[in-house]
Amino acid sequence: MCGQYQGVCPPGAPEPVKQTNRLLAELHNGKNIFFADPGKALLSADGASPQNEFMKDVVHPNARGYEVLEKELAVLLKKLDAKYRGGKQAGKHS
């Protein structure tokens, strides 16, 4: 699961999004349910508004923003790969 990205919400909505992400994060058990919130990496220091340098507009990341999201998700995906495939190529499970 991925957390909801706050940039897609209307002004004043970040708290419900944060609450939803907290609830989703509670489902993470490290066995068969995993949670990531890569959108947090795009936020300003206030934790509510996106950093302009990563955004095309208030909703859509620009190329740099997508690079940030890629790096954030890569960490989780590498962990999942090691856990479930042992780093082996897809289709070559033992």
C-alpha atoms as a PDB file:
ATOM      1  CA  MET A   1       0.000   0.000   0.000  1.00  0.00           C
ATOM      2  CA  CYS A   2       1.066   3.543  -0.596  1.00  0.00           C
ATOM      3  CA  GLY A   3       0.023   6.543   1.400  1.00  0.00           C
ATOM      4  CA  GLN A   4      -2.225   9.112  -0.166  1.00  0.00           C
ATOM      5  CA  TYR A   5      -0.298  12.032  -1.562  1.00  0.00           C
ATOM      6  CA  GLN A   6      -1.436  15.299  -0.048  1.00  0.00           C
ATOM      7  CA  GLY A   7      -0.996  17.336  -3.213  1.00  0.00           C
ATOM      8  CA  VAL A   8      -4.139  15.809  -4.709  1.00  0.00           C
ATOM      9  CA  CYS A   9      -6.361  17.127  -1.917  1.00  0.00           C
ATOM     10  CA  PRO A  10      -8.104  20.478  -1.780  1.00  0.00           C
ATOM     11  CA  PRO A  11      -6.706  23.144   0.565  1.00  0.00           C
ATOM     12  CA  GLY A  12      -7.442  22.356   4.195  1.00  0.00           C
ATOM     13  CA  ALA A  13      -7.555  18.607   3.591  1.00  0.00           C
ATOM     14  CA  PRO A  14      -4.050  17.545   4.694  1.00  0.00           C
ATOM     15  CA  GLU A  15      -5.163  16.452   8.184  1.00  0.00           C
ATOM     16  CA  PRO A  16      -7.679  13.878   6.867  1.00  0.00           C
ATOM     17  CA  VAL A  17      -4.996  12.612   4.492  1.00  0.00           C
ATOM     18  CA  LYS A  18      -2.493  12.344   7.341  1.00  0.00           C
ATOM     19  CA  GLN A  19      -5.085  10.493   9.428  1.00  0.00           C
ATOM     20  CA  THR A  20      -5.812   8.084   6.558  1.00  0.00           C
ATOM     21  CA  ASN A  21      -2.081   7.451   6.085  1.00  0.00           C
ATOM     22  CA  ARG A  22      -1.656   6.779   9.815  1.00  0.00           C
ATOM     23  CA  LEU A  23      -4.474   4.216   9.670  1.00  0.00           C
ATOM     24  CA  LEU A  24      -2.997   2.572   6.572  1.00  0.00           C
ATOM     25  CA  ALA A  25       0.437   2.478   8.222  1.00  0.00           C
ATOM     26  CA  GLU A  26      -1.061   0.588  11.181  1.00  0.00           C
ATOM     27  CA  LEU A  27      -1.958  -2.249   8.796  1.00  0.00           C
ATOM     28  CA  HIS A  28       1.735  -2.726   7.930  1.00  0.00           C
ATOM     29  CA  ASN A  29       2.835  -6.010   9.479  1.00  0.00           C
ATOM     30  CA  GLY A  30       6.055  -6.675   7.554  1.00  0.00           C
ATOM     31  CA  LYS A  31       4.788 -10.097   6.486  1.00  0.00           C
ATOM     32  CA  ASN A  32       2.123  -9.690   3.839  1.00  0.00           C
ATOM     33  CA  ILE A  33       1.068  -6.069   4.216  1.00  0.00           C
ATOM     34  CA  PHE A  34       3.590  -3.321   3.567  1.00  0.00           C
ATOM     35  CA  PHE A  35       3.090   0.415   3.696  1.00  0.00           C
ATOM     36  CA  ALA A  36       5.090   3.175   2.072  1.00  0.00           C
ATOM     37  CA  ASP A  37       4.426   6.895   2.052  1.00  0.00           C
ATOM     38  CA  PRO A  38       6.741   8.175  -0.681  1.00  0.00           C
ATOM     39  CA  GLY A  39       4.811  11.413  -1.095  1.00  0.00           C
ATOM     40  CA  LYS A  40       6.185  12.653   2.233  1.00  0.00           C
ATOM     41  CA  ALA A  41       9.534  13.170   0.522  1.00  0.00           C
ATOM     42  CA  LEU A  42       7.948  15.822  -1.707  1.00  0.00           C
ATOM     43  CA  LEU A  43       6.624  17.918   1.170  1.00  0.00           C
ATOM     44  CA  SER A  44       8.041  21.168   2.516  1.00  0.00           C
ATOM     45  CA  ALA A  45       9.282  21.503   6.087  1.00  0.00           C
ATOM     46  CA  ASP A  46       5.719  22.298   7.213  1.00  0.00           C
ATOM     47  CA  GLY A  47       4.771  18.705   6.304  1.00  0.00           C
ATOM     48  CA  ALA A  48       1.660  19.866   4.471  1.00  0.00           C
ATOM     49  CA  SER A  49       2.589  21.666   1.267  1.00  0.00           C
ATOM     50  CA  PRO A  50       4.600  20.248  -1.626  1.00  0.00           C
ATOM     51  CA  GLN A  51       8.060  21.644  -2.382  1.00  0.00           C
ATOM     52  CA  ASN A  52       7.798  23.711  -5.562  1.00  0.00           C
ATOM     53  CA  GLU A  53      11.088  22.313  -6.881  1.00  0.00           C
ATOM     54  CA  PHE A  54       9.461  18.867  -7.202  1.00  0.00           C
ATOM     55  CA  MET A  55       6.096  19.904  -8.590  1.00  0.00           C
ATOM     56  CA  LYS A  56       4.744  20.634 -12.064  1.00  0.00           C
ATOM     57  CA  ASP A  57       1.633  22.076 -10.411  1.00  0.00           C
ATOM     58  CA  VAL A  58      -0.030  21.542  -7.006  1.00  0.00           C
ATOM     59  CA  VAL A  59      -1.059  17.993  -7.946  1.00  0.00           C
ATOM     60  CA  HIS A  60       1.505  16.543 -10.350  1.00  0.00           C
ATOM     61  CA  PRO A  61       5.201  15.965  -9.664  1.00  0.00           C
ATOM     62  CA  ASN A  62       7.724  17.115 -12.254  1.00  0.00           C
ATOM     63  CA  ALA A  63      10.630  14.944 -13.448  1.00  0.00           C
ATOM     64  CA  ARG A  64      12.642  15.661 -10.275  1.00  0.00           C
ATOM     65  CA  GLY A  65       9.614  14.820  -8.151  1.00  0.00           C
ATOM     66  CA  TYR A  66       9.214  11.476  -9.884  1.00  0.00           C
ATOM     67  CA  GLU A  67      12.908  10.765  -9.271  1.00  0.00           C
ATOM     68  CA  VAL A  68      12.343  11.384  -5.559  1.00  0.00           C
ATOM     69  CA  LEU A  69       9.297   9.089  -5.561  1.00  0.00           C
ATOM     70  CA  GLU A  70      11.284   6.423  -7.413  1.00  0.00           C
ATOM     71  CA  LYS A  71      14.058   6.478  -4.800  1.00  0.00           C
ATOM     72  CA  GLU A  72      11.563   6.289  -1.939  1.00  0.00           C
ATOM     73  CA  LEU A  73       9.718   3.322  -3.450  1.00  0.00           C
ATOM     74  CA  ALA A  74      12.932   1.567  -4.496  1.00  0.00           C
ATOM     75  CA  VAL A  75      13.872   1.068  -0.837  1.00  0.00           C
ATOM     76  CA  LEU A  76      10.649  -0.829  -0.137  1.00  0.00           C
ATOM     77  CA  LEU A  77      10.718  -2.747  -3.407  1.00  0.00           C
ATOM     78  CA  LYS A  78      14.287  -3.945  -2.769  1.00  0.00           C
ATOM     79  CA  LYS A  79      13.240  -5.204   0.655  1.00  0.00           C
ATOM     80  CA  LEU A  80      10.271  -7.021  -0.851  1.00  0.00           C
ATOM     81  CA  ASP A  81      12.424  -8.488  -3.596  1.00  0.00           C
ATOM     82  CA  ALA A  82      14.931  -9.826  -1.092  1.00  0.00           C
ATOM     83  CA  LYS A  83      12.181 -11.193   1.143  1.00  0.00           C
ATOM     84  CA  TYR A  84      10.047 -12.893  -1.482  1.00  0.00           C
ATOM     85  CA  ARG A  85      12.392 -13.705  -4.335  1.00  0.00           C
ATOM     86  CA  GLY A  86      15.741 -13.628  -2.612  1.00  0.00           C
ATOM     87  CA  GLY A  87      16.964 -11.283  -5.337  1.00  0.00           C
ATOM     88  CA  LYS A  88      16.332 -13.942  -8.008  1.00  0.00           C
ATOM     89  CA  GLN A  89      14.916 -13.092 -11.410  1.00  0.00           C
ATOM     90  CA  ALA A  90      11.149 -13.262 -11.747  1.00  0.00           C
ATOM     91  CA  GLY A  91       9.904 -16.706 -12.717  1.00  0.00           C
ATOM     92  CA  LYS A  92      12.926 -18.508 -11.262  1.00  0.00           C
ATOM     93  CA  HIS A  93      11.636 -19.305  -7.798  1.00  0.00           C
ATOM     94  CA  SER A  94      13.025 -22.345  -6.029  1.00  0.00           C
END
